[in-house]
Amino acid sequence: MSTQNVLDVLQDAFLVLIRVGGPVLIIALVVGLVISIFQATTQIQEQTLSFVPKLFSILLTLVLLGNFMLNSLISFTERMFSIIAGF
């Protein structure tokens, strides 16, 4: 396996990582930020207030984008197996 092949595999892996993990992380970040701003303005310092909306928003994101994420992972896995079979 040449250096270029390894770099291509790593590039594909990072792109799949961003495509699969990115939406969930962005949603969690936005919801956490909104809840933190709400807590700062109302001076409510309840720790569970940020946990429950984040949990529901992440679950909703996984339900809505789960098919896309699974297809991306399956496609990546098939590409990796075809590369391995080629050597």
C-alpha atoms as a PDB file:
ATOM      1  CA  MET A   1       0.000   0.000   0.000  1.00  0.00           C
ATOM      2  CA  SER A   2       1.526   3.270  -1.081  1.00  0.00           C
ATOM      3  CA  THR A   3       1.596   6.481   0.869  1.00  0.00           C
ATOM      4  CA  GLN A   4      -0.984   8.046  -1.441  1.00  0.00           C
ATOM      5  CA  ASN A   5      -3.411   5.165  -0.821  1.00  0.00           C
ATOM      6  CA  VAL A   6      -3.042   5.569   2.932  1.00  0.00           C
ATOM      7  CA  LEU A   7      -3.655   9.310   2.656  1.00  0.00           C
ATOM      8  CA  ASP A   8      -6.747   8.699   0.503  1.00  0.00           C
ATOM      9  CA  VAL A   9      -8.131   6.236   3.050  1.00  0.00           C
ATOM     10  CA  LEU A  10      -7.481   8.656   5.911  1.00  0.00           C
ATOM     11  CA  GLN A  11      -9.090  11.503   3.979  1.00  0.00           C
ATOM     12  CA  ASP A  12     -12.175   9.375   3.299  1.00  0.00           C
ATOM     13  CA  ALA A  13     -12.312   8.335   6.955  1.00  0.00           C
ATOM     14  CA  PHE A  14     -12.189  11.935   8.179  1.00  0.00           C
ATOM     15  CA  LEU A  15     -14.846  13.037   5.688  1.00  0.00           C
ATOM     16  CA  VAL A  16     -17.163  10.232   6.795  1.00  0.00           C
ATOM     17  CA  LEU A  17     -16.463  11.136  10.418  1.00  0.00           C
ATOM     18  CA  ILE A  18     -17.457  14.745   9.759  1.00  0.00           C
ATOM     19  CA  ARG A  19     -20.567  13.724   7.786  1.00  0.00           C
ATOM     20  CA  VAL A  20     -21.742  11.273  10.438  1.00  0.00           C
ATOM     21  CA  GLY A  21     -20.752  13.062  13.633  1.00  0.00           C
ATOM     22  CA  GLY A  22     -21.049  16.654  12.490  1.00  0.00           C
ATOM     23  CA  PRO A  23     -24.831  17.093  12.493  1.00  0.00           C
ATOM     24  CA  VAL A  24     -25.232  15.591  15.955  1.00  0.00           C
ATOM     25  CA  LEU A  25     -22.428  17.698  17.400  1.00  0.00           C
ATOM     26  CA  ILE A  26     -23.701  20.896  15.781  1.00  0.00           C
ATOM     27  CA  ILE A  27     -27.246  20.328  17.069  1.00  0.00           C
ATOM     28  CA  ALA A  28     -25.935  19.595  20.581  1.00  0.00           C
ATOM     29  CA  LEU A  29     -23.772  22.724  20.440  1.00  0.00           C
ATOM     30  CA  VAL A  30     -26.610  24.985  19.281  1.00  0.00           C
ATOM     31  CA  VAL A  31     -29.125  23.621  21.792  1.00  0.00           C
ATOM     32  CA  GLY A  32     -26.573  23.853  24.608  1.00  0.00           C
ATOM     33  CA  LEU A  33     -25.743  27.429  23.654  1.00  0.00           C
ATOM     34  CA  VAL A  34     -29.411  28.451  23.526  1.00  0.00           C
ATOM     35  CA  ILE A  35     -30.109  26.826  26.895  1.00  0.00           C
ATOM     36  CA  SER A  36     -27.009  28.461  28.408  1.00  0.00           C
ATOM     37  CA  ILE A  37     -28.097  31.890  27.184  1.00  0.00           C
ATOM     38  CA  PHE A  38     -31.576  31.233  28.581  1.00  0.00           C
ATOM     39  CA  GLN A  39     -30.099  30.199  31.933  1.00  0.00           C
ATOM     40  CA  ALA A  40     -27.858  33.255  32.049  1.00  0.00           C
ATOM     41  CA  THR A  41     -30.684  35.668  31.303  1.00  0.00           C
ATOM     42  CA  THR A  42     -33.122  34.124  33.768  1.00  0.00           C
ATOM     43  CA  GLN A  43     -30.453  33.270  36.380  1.00  0.00           C
ATOM     44  CA  ILE A  44     -31.674  29.680  36.573  1.00  0.00           C
ATOM     45  CA  GLN A  45     -28.736  27.410  37.412  1.00  0.00           C
ATOM     46  CA  GLU A  46     -30.381  24.017  37.101  1.00  0.00           C
ATOM     47  CA  GLN A  47     -27.991  21.439  35.594  1.00  0.00           C
ATOM     48  CA  THR A  48     -30.694  19.130  34.259  1.00  0.00           C
ATOM     49  CA  LEU A  49     -32.256  21.980  32.291  1.00  0.00           C
ATOM     50  CA  SER A  50     -29.552  21.727  29.640  1.00  0.00           C
ATOM     51  CA  PHE A  51     -29.365  17.927  29.658  1.00  0.00           C
ATOM     52  CA  VAL A  52     -32.953  17.047  28.730  1.00  0.00           C
ATOM     53  CA  PRO A  53     -33.338  19.343  25.672  1.00  0.00           C
ATOM     54  CA  LYS A  54     -29.918  18.254  24.394  1.00  0.00           C
ATOM     55  CA  LEU A  55     -30.880  14.610  24.794  1.00  0.00           C
ATOM     56  CA  PHE A  56     -34.158  15.054  22.912  1.00  0.00           C
ATOM     57  CA  SER A  57     -32.568  17.126  20.154  1.00  0.00           C
ATOM     58  CA  ILE A  58     -29.817  14.551  19.638  1.00  0.00           C
ATOM     59  CA  LEU A  59     -32.362  11.729  19.526  1.00  0.00           C
ATOM     60  CA  LEU A  60     -34.462  13.667  17.019  1.00  0.00           C
ATOM     61  CA  THR A  61     -31.379  14.317  14.892  1.00  0.00           C
ATOM     62  CA  LEU A  62     -30.478  10.631  14.953  1.00  0.00           C
ATOM     63  CA  VAL A  63     -34.012   9.659  13.967  1.00  0.00           C
ATOM     64  CA  LEU A  64     -34.139  12.155  11.109  1.00  0.00           C
ATOM     65  CA  LEU A  65     -30.582  11.681   9.804  1.00  0.00           C
ATOM     66  CA  GLY A  66     -29.951   8.092  10.881  1.00  0.00           C
ATOM     67  CA  ASN A  67     -30.609   6.679   7.420  1.00  0.00           C
ATOM     68  CA  PHE A  68     -28.123   9.095   5.839  1.00  0.00           C
ATOM     69  CA  MET A  69     -25.524   8.339   8.505  1.00  0.00           C
ATOM     70  CA  LEU A  70     -25.950   4.596   8.157  1.00  0.00           C
ATOM     71  CA  ASN A  71     -25.695   4.766   4.358  1.00  0.00           C
ATOM     72  CA  SER A  72     -22.511   6.842   4.636  1.00  0.00           C
ATOM     73  CA  LEU A  73     -20.953   4.318   7.005  1.00  0.00           C
ATOM     74  CA  ILE A  74     -22.001   1.357   4.856  1.00  0.00           C
ATOM     75  CA  SER A  75     -20.608   2.994   1.727  1.00  0.00           C
ATOM     76  CA  PHE A  76     -17.321   3.746   3.479  1.00  0.00           C
ATOM     77  CA  THR A  77     -17.076   0.189   4.810  1.00  0.00           C
ATOM     78  CA  GLU A  78     -17.733  -1.271   1.357  1.00  0.00           C
ATOM     79  CA  ARG A  79     -15.022   0.973  -0.125  1.00  0.00           C
ATOM     80  CA  MET A  80     -12.564  -0.119   2.547  1.00  0.00           C
ATOM     81  CA  PHE A  81     -13.334  -3.808   1.966  1.00  0.00           C
ATOM     82  CA  SER A  82     -12.890  -3.367  -1.782  1.00  0.00           C
ATOM     83  CA  ILE A  83      -9.534  -1.659  -1.197  1.00  0.00           C
ATOM     84  CA  ILE A  84      -8.453  -4.458   1.148  1.00  0.00           C
ATOM     85  CA  ALA A  85      -9.565  -7.097  -1.375  1.00  0.00           C
ATOM     86  CA  GLY A  86      -7.507  -5.362  -4.078  1.00  0.00           C
ATOM     87  CA  PHE A  87      -4.233  -5.996  -2.235  1.00  0.00           C
END
